[in-house]
PDB file of all heavy atoms in Angstrom:
ATOM      1  N   THR A   1     -19.862  45.122  13.893  1.00  0.00           N
ATOM      2  CA  THR A   1     -20.738  43.942  13.825  1.00  0.00           C
ATOM      3  C   THR A   1     -20.668  43.306  12.457  1.00  0.00           C
ATOM      4  O   THR A   1     -20.877  43.983  11.442  1.00  0.00           O
ATOM      5  CB  THR A   1     -22.205  44.327  14.139  1.00  0.00           C
ATOM      6  OG1 THR A   1     -22.286  44.946  15.412  1.00  0.00           O
ATOM      7  CG2 THR A   1     -23.097  43.089  14.134  1.00  0.00           C
ATOM      8  N   ILE A   2     -20.373  42.017  12.431  1.00  0.00           N
ATOM      9  CA  ILE A   2     -20.349  41.267  11.183  1.00  0.00           C
ATOM     10  C   ILE A   2     -21.673  40.527  11.025  1.00  0.00           C
ATOM     11  O   ILE A   2     -22.233  40.036  12.004  1.00  0.00           O
ATOM     12  CB  ILE A   2     -19.177  40.282  11.152  1.00  0.00           C
ATOM     13  CG1 ILE A   2     -19.016  39.702   9.740  1.00  0.00           C
ATOM     14  CG2 ILE A   2     -19.279  39.228  12.208  1.00  0.00           C
ATOM     15  CD1 ILE A   2     -17.716  38.879   9.550  1.00  0.00           C
ATOM     16  N   SER A   3     -22.175  40.489   9.798  1.00  0.00           N
ATOM     17  CA  SER A   3     -23.414  39.758   9.516  1.00  0.00           C
ATOM     18  C   SER A   3     -23.352  39.272   8.075  1.00  0.00           C
ATOM     19  O   SER A   3     -22.452  39.645   7.325  1.00  0.00           O
ATOM     20  CB  SER A   3     -24.633  40.658   9.734  1.00  0.00           C
ATOM     21  OG  SER A   3     -24.588  41.778   8.840  1.00  0.00           O
ATOM     22  N   ARG A   4     -24.279  38.426   7.735  1.00  0.00           N
ATOM     23  CA  ARG A   4     -24.292  37.898   6.351  1.00  0.00           C
ATOM     24  C   ARG A   4     -25.730  37.696   5.919  1.00  0.00           C
ATOM     25  O   ARG A   4     -26.619  37.416   6.718  1.00  0.00           O
ATOM     26  CB  ARG A   4     -23.489  36.618   6.226  1.00  0.00           C
ATOM     27  CG  ARG A   4     -24.040  35.434   7.010  1.00  0.00           C
ATOM     28  CD  ARG A   4     -23.031  34.272   7.030  1.00  0.00           C
ATOM     29  NE  ARG A   4     -22.736  33.799   5.700  1.00  0.00           N
ATOM     30  CZ  ARG A   4     -21.624  33.105   5.378  1.00  0.00           C
ATOM     31  NH1 ARG A   4     -20.736  32.819   6.304  1.00  0.00           N
ATOM     32  NH2 ARG A   4     -21.466  32.683   4.139  1.00  0.00           N
ATOM     33  N   ASP A   5     -25.913  37.816   4.607  1.00  0.00           N
ATOM     34  CA  ASP A   5     -27.204  37.502   3.980  1.00  0.00           C
ATOM     35  C   ASP A   5     -26.908  36.476   2.912  1.00  0.00           C
ATOM     36  O   ASP A   5     -26.429  36.819   1.811  1.00  0.00           O
ATOM     37  CB  ASP A   5     -27.808  38.811   3.390  1.00  0.00           C
ATOM     38  CG  ASP A   5     -29.201  38.585   2.799  1.00  0.00           C
ATOM     39  OD1 ASP A   5     -29.519  37.421   2.489  1.00  0.00           O
ATOM     40  OD2 ASP A   5     -29.915  39.557   2.662  1.00  0.00           O
ATOM     41  N   ASN A   6     -27.150  35.225   3.197  1.00  0.00           N
ATOM     42  CA  ASN A   6     -26.804  34.159   2.287  1.00  0.00           C
ATOM     43  C   ASN A   6     -27.642  34.206   1.009  1.00  0.00           C
ATOM     44  O   ASN A   6     -27.216  33.749  -0.039  1.00  0.00           O
ATOM     45  CB  ASN A   6     -26.930  32.827   2.954  1.00  0.00           C
ATOM     46  CG  ASN A   6     -25.769  32.558   3.926  1.00  0.00           C
ATOM     47  OD1 ASN A   6     -24.731  33.207   3.858  1.00  0.00           O
ATOM     48  ND2 ASN A   6     -25.983  31.645   4.869  1.00  0.00           N
ATOM     49  N   ALA A   7     -28.832  34.774   1.077  1.00  0.00           N
ATOM     50  CA  ALA A   7     -29.654  34.900  -0.102  1.00  0.00           C
ATOM     51  C   ALA A   7     -29.056  35.894  -1.088  1.00  0.00           C
ATOM     52  O   ALA A   7     -29.287  35.779  -2.305  1.00  0.00           O
ATOM     53  CB  ALA A   7     -31.062  35.329   0.279  1.00  0.00           C
ATOM     54  N   LYS A   8     -28.271  36.821  -0.588  1.00  0.00           N
ATOM     55  CA  LYS A   8     -27.647  37.867  -1.428  1.00  0.00           C
ATOM     56  C   LYS A   8     -26.172  37.611  -1.624  1.00  0.00           C
ATOM     57  O   LYS A   8     -25.483  38.426  -2.240  1.00  0.00           O
ATOM     58  CB  LYS A   8     -27.872  39.258  -0.827  1.00  0.00           C
ATOM     59  CG  LYS A   8     -29.313  39.684  -0.758  1.00  0.00           C
ATOM     60  CD  LYS A   8     -29.438  41.083  -0.200  1.00  0.00           C
ATOM     61  CE  LYS A   8     -30.898  41.546  -0.186  1.00  0.00           C
ATOM     62  NZ  LYS A   8     -31.032  42.950   0.364  1.00  0.00           N
ATOM     63  N   ASN A   9     -25.674  36.481  -1.098  1.00  0.00           N
ATOM     64  CA  ASN A   9     -24.239  36.173  -1.219  1.00  0.00           C
ATOM     65  C   ASN A   9     -23.357  37.303  -0.763  1.00  0.00           C
ATOM     66  O   ASN A   9     -22.351  37.632  -1.369  1.00  0.00           O
ATOM     67  CB  ASN A   9     -23.895  35.824  -2.682  1.00  0.00           C
ATOM     68  CG  ASN A   9     -24.446  34.492  -3.122  1.00  0.00           C
ATOM     69  OD1 ASN A   9     -24.986  33.734  -2.318  1.00  0.00           O
ATOM     70  ND2 ASN A   9     -24.319  34.183  -4.385  1.00  0.00           N
ATOM     71  N   THR A  10     -23.729  37.899   0.353  1.00  0.00           N
ATOM     72  CA  THR A  10     -23.031  39.106   0.832  1.00  0.00           C
ATOM     73  C   THR A  10     -22.781  38.997   2.330  1.00  0.00           C
ATOM     74  O   THR A  10     -23.637  38.560   3.074  1.00  0.00           O
ATOM     75  CB  THR A  10     -23.845  40.358   0.493  1.00  0.00           C
ATOM     76  OG1 THR A  10     -24.074  40.427  -0.913  1.00  0.00           O
ATOM     77  CG2 THR A  10     -23.135  41.602   0.940  1.00  0.00           C
ATOM     78  N   VAL A  11     -21.604  39.468   2.718  1.00  0.00           N
ATOM     79  CA  VAL A  11     -21.246  39.621   4.123  1.00  0.00           C
ATOM     80  C   VAL A  11     -21.046  41.107   4.380  1.00  0.00           C
ATOM     81  O   VAL A  11     -20.546  41.836   3.519  1.00  0.00           O
ATOM     82  CB  VAL A  11     -20.021  38.771   4.500  1.00  0.00           C
ATOM     83  CG1 VAL A  11     -18.777  39.234   3.755  1.00  0.00           C
ATOM     84  CG2 VAL A  11     -19.765  38.821   6.007  1.00  0.00           C
ATOM     85  N   TYR A  12     -21.435  41.533   5.563  1.00  0.00           N
ATOM     86  CA  TYR A  12     -21.391  42.945   5.911  1.00  0.00           C
ATOM     87  C   TYR A  12     -20.490  43.174   7.137  1.00  0.00           C
ATOM     88  O   TYR A  12     -20.324  42.287   7.957  1.00  0.00           O
ATOM     89  CB  TYR A  12     -22.788  43.493   6.220  1.00  0.00           C
ATOM     90  CG  TYR A  12     -23.786  43.279   5.096  1.00  0.00           C
ATOM     91  CD1 TYR A  12     -24.660  42.206   5.130  1.00  0.00           C
ATOM     92  CD2 TYR A  12     -23.857  44.152   4.028  1.00  0.00           C
ATOM     93  CE1 TYR A  12     -25.571  42.017   4.105  1.00  0.00           C
ATOM     94  CE2 TYR A  12     -24.749  43.974   3.008  1.00  0.00           C
ATOM     95  CZ  TYR A  12     -25.623  42.914   3.068  1.00  0.00           C
ATOM     96  OH  TYR A  12     -26.526  42.729   2.033  1.00  0.00           O
ATOM     97  N   LEU A  13     -19.981  44.387   7.245  1.00  0.00           N
ATOM     98  CA  LEU A  13     -19.272  44.825   8.435  1.00  0.00           C
ATOM     99  C   LEU A  13     -19.824  46.198   8.775  1.00  0.00           C
ATOM    100  O   LEU A  13     -19.509  47.182   8.094  1.00  0.00           O
ATOM    101  CB  LEU A  13     -17.761  44.870   8.231  1.00  0.00           C
ATOM    102  CG  LEU A  13     -16.947  45.164   9.490  1.00  0.00           C
ATOM    103  CD1 LEU A  13     -17.063  44.001  10.472  1.00  0.00           C
ATOM    104  CD2 LEU A  13     -15.485  45.452   9.126  1.00  0.00           C
ATOM    105  N   GLN A  14     -20.628  46.254   9.826  1.00  0.00           N
ATOM    106  CA  GLN A  14     -21.131  47.533  10.320  1.00  0.00           C
ATOM    107  C   GLN A  14     -20.106  48.080  11.303  1.00  0.00           C
ATOM    108  O   GLN A  14     -19.781  47.414  12.299  1.00  0.00           O
ATOM    109  CB  GLN A  14     -22.475  47.340  11.025  1.00  0.00           C
ATOM    110  CG  GLN A  14     -23.034  48.625  11.615  1.00  0.00           C
ATOM    111  CD  GLN A  14     -23.413  49.649  10.572  1.00  0.00           C
ATOM    112  OE1 GLN A  14     -24.001  49.326   9.543  1.00  0.00           O
ATOM    113  NE2 GLN A  14     -23.067  50.902  10.808  1.00  0.00           N
ATOM    114  N   MET A  15     -19.619  49.267  11.004  1.00  0.00           N
ATOM    115  CA  MET A  15     -18.567  49.882  11.814  1.00  0.00           C
ATOM    116  C   MET A  15     -19.101  51.149  12.458  1.00  0.00           C
ATOM    117  O   MET A  15     -19.436  52.092  11.735  1.00  0.00           O
ATOM    118  CB  MET A  15     -17.348  50.179  10.977  1.00  0.00           C
ATOM    119  CG  MET A  15     -16.827  48.964  10.209  1.00  0.00           C
ATOM    120  SD  MET A  15     -15.265  49.285   9.339  1.00  0.00           S
ATOM    121  CE  MET A  15     -15.791  50.498   8.169  1.00  0.00           C
ATOM    122  N   ASN A  16     -19.186  51.171  13.748  1.00  0.00           N
ATOM    123  CA  ASN A  16     -19.681  52.326  14.502  1.00  0.00           C
ATOM    124  C   ASN A  16     -18.571  52.880  15.381  1.00  0.00           C
ATOM    125  O   ASN A  16     -17.547  52.199  15.652  1.00  0.00           O
ATOM    126  CB  ASN A  16     -20.851  51.928  15.381  1.00  0.00           C
ATOM    127  CG  ASN A  16     -22.049  51.425  14.573  1.00  0.00           C
ATOM    128  OD1 ASN A  16     -22.265  51.862  13.417  1.00  0.00           O
ATOM    129  ND2 ASN A  16     -22.828  50.535  15.156  1.00  0.00           N
ATOM    130  N   SER A  17     -18.757  54.098  15.846  1.00  0.00           N
ATOM    131  CA  SER A  17     -17.798  54.752  16.744  1.00  0.00           C
ATOM    132  C   SER A  17     -16.385  54.664  16.163  1.00  0.00           C
ATOM    133  O   SER A  17     -15.433  54.285  16.882  1.00  0.00           O
ATOM    134  CB  SER A  17     -17.841  54.138  18.146  1.00  0.00           C
ATOM    135  OG  SER A  17     -19.137  54.252  18.699  1.00  0.00           O
ATOM    136  N   LEU A  18     -16.247  54.993  14.920  1.00  0.00           N
ATOM    137  CA  LEU A  18     -14.958  54.845  14.240  1.00  0.00           C
ATOM    138  C   LEU A  18     -13.920  55.757  14.837  1.00  0.00           C
ATOM    139  O   LEU A  18     -14.191  56.891  15.274  1.00  0.00           O
ATOM    140  CB  LEU A  18     -15.129  55.087  12.754  1.00  0.00           C
ATOM    141  CG  LEU A  18     -15.746  53.928  11.975  1.00  0.00           C
ATOM    142  CD1 LEU A  18     -16.275  54.382  10.644  1.00  0.00           C
ATOM    143  CD2 LEU A  18     -14.727  52.809  11.794  1.00  0.00           C
ATOM    144  N   LYS A  19     -12.668  55.270  14.835  1.00  0.00           N
ATOM    145  CA  LYS A  19     -11.531  56.002  15.371  1.00  0.00           C
ATOM    146  C   LYS A  19     -10.491  56.149  14.251  1.00  0.00           C
ATOM    147  O   LYS A  19     -10.436  55.355  13.335  1.00  0.00           O
ATOM    148  CB  LYS A  19     -10.923  55.215  16.526  1.00  0.00           C
ATOM    149  CG  LYS A  19     -11.884  54.854  17.641  1.00  0.00           C
ATOM    150  CD  LYS A  19     -11.217  53.985  18.679  1.00  0.00           C
ATOM    151  CE  LYS A  19     -12.171  53.616  19.796  1.00  0.00           C
ATOM    152  NZ  LYS A  19     -11.525  52.751  20.819  1.00  0.00           N
ATOM    153  N   PRO A  20      -9.627  57.144  14.386  1.00  0.00           N
ATOM    154  CA  PRO A  20      -8.575  57.293  13.387  1.00  0.00           C
ATOM    155  C   PRO A  20      -7.728  56.033  13.216  1.00  0.00           C
ATOM    156  O   PRO A  20      -7.257  55.752  12.090  1.00  0.00           O
ATOM    157  CB  PRO A  20      -7.732  58.474  13.938  1.00  0.00           C
ATOM    158  CG  PRO A  20      -8.719  59.269  14.697  1.00  0.00           C
ATOM    159  CD  PRO A  20      -9.643  58.264  15.332  1.00  0.00           C
ATOM    160  N   GLU A  21      -7.555  55.287  14.273  1.00  0.00           N
ATOM    161  CA  GLU A  21      -6.742  54.072  14.170  1.00  0.00           C
ATOM    162  C   GLU A  21      -7.452  52.940  13.438  1.00  0.00           C
ATOM    163  O   GLU A  21      -6.851  51.899  13.175  1.00  0.00           O
ATOM    164  CB  GLU A  21      -6.312  53.599  15.568  1.00  0.00           C
ATOM    165  CG  GLU A  21      -7.416  53.483  16.570  1.00  0.00           C
ATOM    166  CD  GLU A  21      -7.520  54.702  17.469  1.00  0.00           C
ATOM    167  OE1 GLU A  21      -7.444  55.826  16.942  1.00  0.00           O
ATOM    168  OE2 GLU A  21      -7.733  54.542  18.683  1.00  0.00           O
ATOM    169  N   ASP A  22      -8.703  53.140  13.043  1.00  0.00           N
ATOM    170  CA  ASP A  22      -9.414  52.171  12.196  1.00  0.00           C
ATOM    171  C   ASP A  22      -9.071  52.384  10.714  1.00  0.00           C
ATOM    172  O   ASP A  22      -9.498  51.592   9.886  1.00  0.00           O
ATOM    173  CB  ASP A  22     -10.915  52.283  12.382  1.00  0.00           C
ATOM    174  CG  ASP A  22     -11.372  51.881  13.775  1.00  0.00           C
ATOM    175  OD1 ASP A  22     -10.850  50.887  14.283  1.00  0.00           O
ATOM    176  OD2 ASP A  22     -12.250  52.574  14.331  1.00  0.00           O
ATOM    177  N   THR A  23      -8.337  53.442  10.410  1.00  0.00           N
ATOM    178  CA  THR A  23      -7.967  53.708   9.021  1.00  0.00           C
ATOM    179  C   THR A  23      -7.115  52.593   8.464  1.00  0.00           C
ATOM    180  O   THR A  23      -6.088  52.220   9.062  1.00  0.00           O
ATOM    181  CB  THR A  23      -7.201  55.043   8.950  1.00  0.00           C
ATOM    182  OG1 THR A  23      -8.095  56.120   9.316  1.00  0.00           O
ATOM    183  CG2 THR A  23      -6.666  55.285   7.542  1.00  0.00           C
ATOM    184  N   ALA A  24      -7.572  52.013   7.355  1.00  0.00           N
ATOM    185  CA  ALA A  24      -6.881  50.878   6.746  1.00  0.00           C
ATOM    186  C   ALA A  24      -7.607  50.494   5.455  1.00  0.00           C
ATOM    187  O   ALA A  24      -8.704  51.004   5.203  1.00  0.00           O
ATOM    188  CB  ALA A  24      -6.869  49.695   7.695  1.00  0.00           C
ATOM    189  N   VAL A  25      -7.007  49.605   4.706  1.00  0.00           N
ATOM    190  CA  VAL A  25      -7.706  48.923   3.646  1.00  0.00           C
ATOM    191  C   VAL A  25      -8.339  47.674   4.249  1.00  0.00           C
ATOM    192  O   VAL A  25      -7.663  46.890   4.927  1.00  0.00           O
ATOM    193  CB  VAL A  25      -6.752  48.522   2.487  1.00  0.00           C
ATOM    194  CG1 VAL A  25      -7.526  47.772   1.399  1.00  0.00           C
ATOM    195  CG2 VAL A  25      -6.115  49.776   1.907  1.00  0.00           C
ATOM    196  N   TYR A  26      -9.614  47.502   4.006  1.00  0.00           N
ATOM    197  CA  TYR A  26     -10.371  46.399   4.582  1.00  0.00           C
ATOM    198  C   TYR A  26     -10.592  45.354   3.487  1.00  0.00           C
ATOM    199  O   TYR A  26     -11.050  45.673   2.398  1.00  0.00           O
ATOM    200  CB  TYR A  26     -11.690  46.890   5.155  1.00  0.00           C
ATOM    201  CG  TYR A  26     -11.527  47.595   6.469  1.00  0.00           C
ATOM    202  CD1 TYR A  26     -10.956  48.835   6.557  1.00  0.00           C
ATOM    203  CD2 TYR A  26     -11.954  46.986   7.655  1.00  0.00           C
ATOM    204  CE1 TYR A  26     -10.784  49.472   7.784  1.00  0.00           C
ATOM    205  CE2 TYR A  26     -11.826  47.614   8.880  1.00  0.00           C
ATOM    206  CZ  TYR A  26     -11.217  48.852   8.936  1.00  0.00           C
ATOM    207  OH  TYR A  26     -11.059  49.479  10.146  1.00  0.00           O
ATOM    208  N   TYR A  27     -10.300  44.098   3.862  1.00  0.00           N
ATOM    209  CA  TYR A  27     -10.420  42.965   2.941  1.00  0.00           C
ATOM    210  C   TYR A  27     -11.379  41.924   3.491  1.00  0.00           C
ATOM    211  O   TYR A  27     -11.391  41.651   4.699  1.00  0.00           O
ATOM    212  CB  TYR A  27      -9.072  42.284   2.748  1.00  0.00           C
ATOM    213  CG  TYR A  27      -7.995  43.162   2.166  1.00  0.00           C
ATOM    214  CD1 TYR A  27      -7.137  43.870   3.005  1.00  0.00           C
ATOM    215  CD2 TYR A  27      -7.800  43.241   0.788  1.00  0.00           C
ATOM    216  CE1 TYR A  27      -6.126  44.649   2.479  1.00  0.00           C
ATOM    217  CE2 TYR A  27      -6.780  44.031   0.262  1.00  0.00           C
ATOM    218  CZ  TYR A  27      -5.944  44.728   1.126  1.00  0.00           C
ATOM    219  OH  TYR A  27      -4.932  45.511   0.596  1.00  0.00           O
ATOM    220  N   CYS A  28     -12.138  41.308   2.621  1.00  0.00           N
ATOM    221  CA  CYS A  28     -12.921  40.144   3.043  1.00  0.00           C
ATOM    222  C   CYS A  28     -12.261  38.895   2.509  1.00  0.00           C
ATOM    223  O   CYS A  28     -11.625  38.904   1.459  1.00  0.00           O
ATOM    224  CB  CYS A  28     -14.363  40.225   2.612  1.00  0.00           C
ATOM    225  SG  CYS A  28     -14.677  40.126   0.867  1.00  0.00           S
ATOM    226  N   GLY A  29     -12.388  37.838   3.273  1.00  0.00           N
ATOM    227  CA  GLY A  29     -11.817  36.558   2.907  1.00  0.00           C
ATOM    228  C   GLY A  29     -12.856  35.447   3.041  1.00  0.00           C
ATOM    229  O   GLY A  29     -13.774  35.547   3.878  1.00  0.00           O
ATOM    230  N   LEU A  30     -12.660  34.403   2.250  1.00  0.00           N
ATOM    231  CA  LEU A  30     -13.557  33.253   2.299  1.00  0.00           C
ATOM    232  C   LEU A  30     -12.740  32.005   2.599  1.00  0.00           C
ATOM    233  O   LEU A  30     -11.678  31.800   2.015  1.00  0.00           O
ATOM    234  CB  LEU A  30     -14.277  33.092   0.952  1.00  0.00           C
ATOM    235  CG  LEU A  30     -15.278  31.958   0.795  1.00  0.00           C
ATOM    236  CD1 LEU A  30     -16.385  32.356  -0.172  1.00  0.00           C
ATOM    237  CD2 LEU A  30     -14.627  30.685   0.296  1.00  0.00           C
ATOM    238  N   ARG A  31     -13.259  31.222   3.514  1.00  0.00           N
ATOM    239  CA  ARG A  31     -12.554  29.957   3.907  1.00  0.00           C
ATOM    240  C   ARG A  31     -13.315  28.783   3.326  1.00  0.00           C
ATOM    241  O   ARG A  31     -14.497  28.555   3.647  1.00  0.00           O
ATOM    242  CB  ARG A  31     -12.517  29.872   5.431  1.00  0.00           C
ATOM    243  CG  ARG A  31     -11.742  28.688   5.953  1.00  0.00           C
ATOM    244  CD  ARG A  31     -11.529  28.816   7.456  1.00  0.00           C
ATOM    245  NE  ARG A  31     -10.671  27.734   7.941  1.00  0.00           N
ATOM    246  CZ  ARG A  31     -11.131  26.569   8.405  1.00  0.00           C
ATOM    247  NH1 ARG A  31     -12.422  26.384   8.499  1.00  0.00           N
ATOM    248  NH2 ARG A  31     -10.302  25.683   8.827  1.00  0.00           N
TER     249      ARG A  31
END
């Protein structure tokens, strides 16, 4: 689940039920 708190200038990624195939470097991007 992705969410954001604009008052804190922060975006979140809640990751549940993680699997081995989720292993990676995670990057955030701004458009």
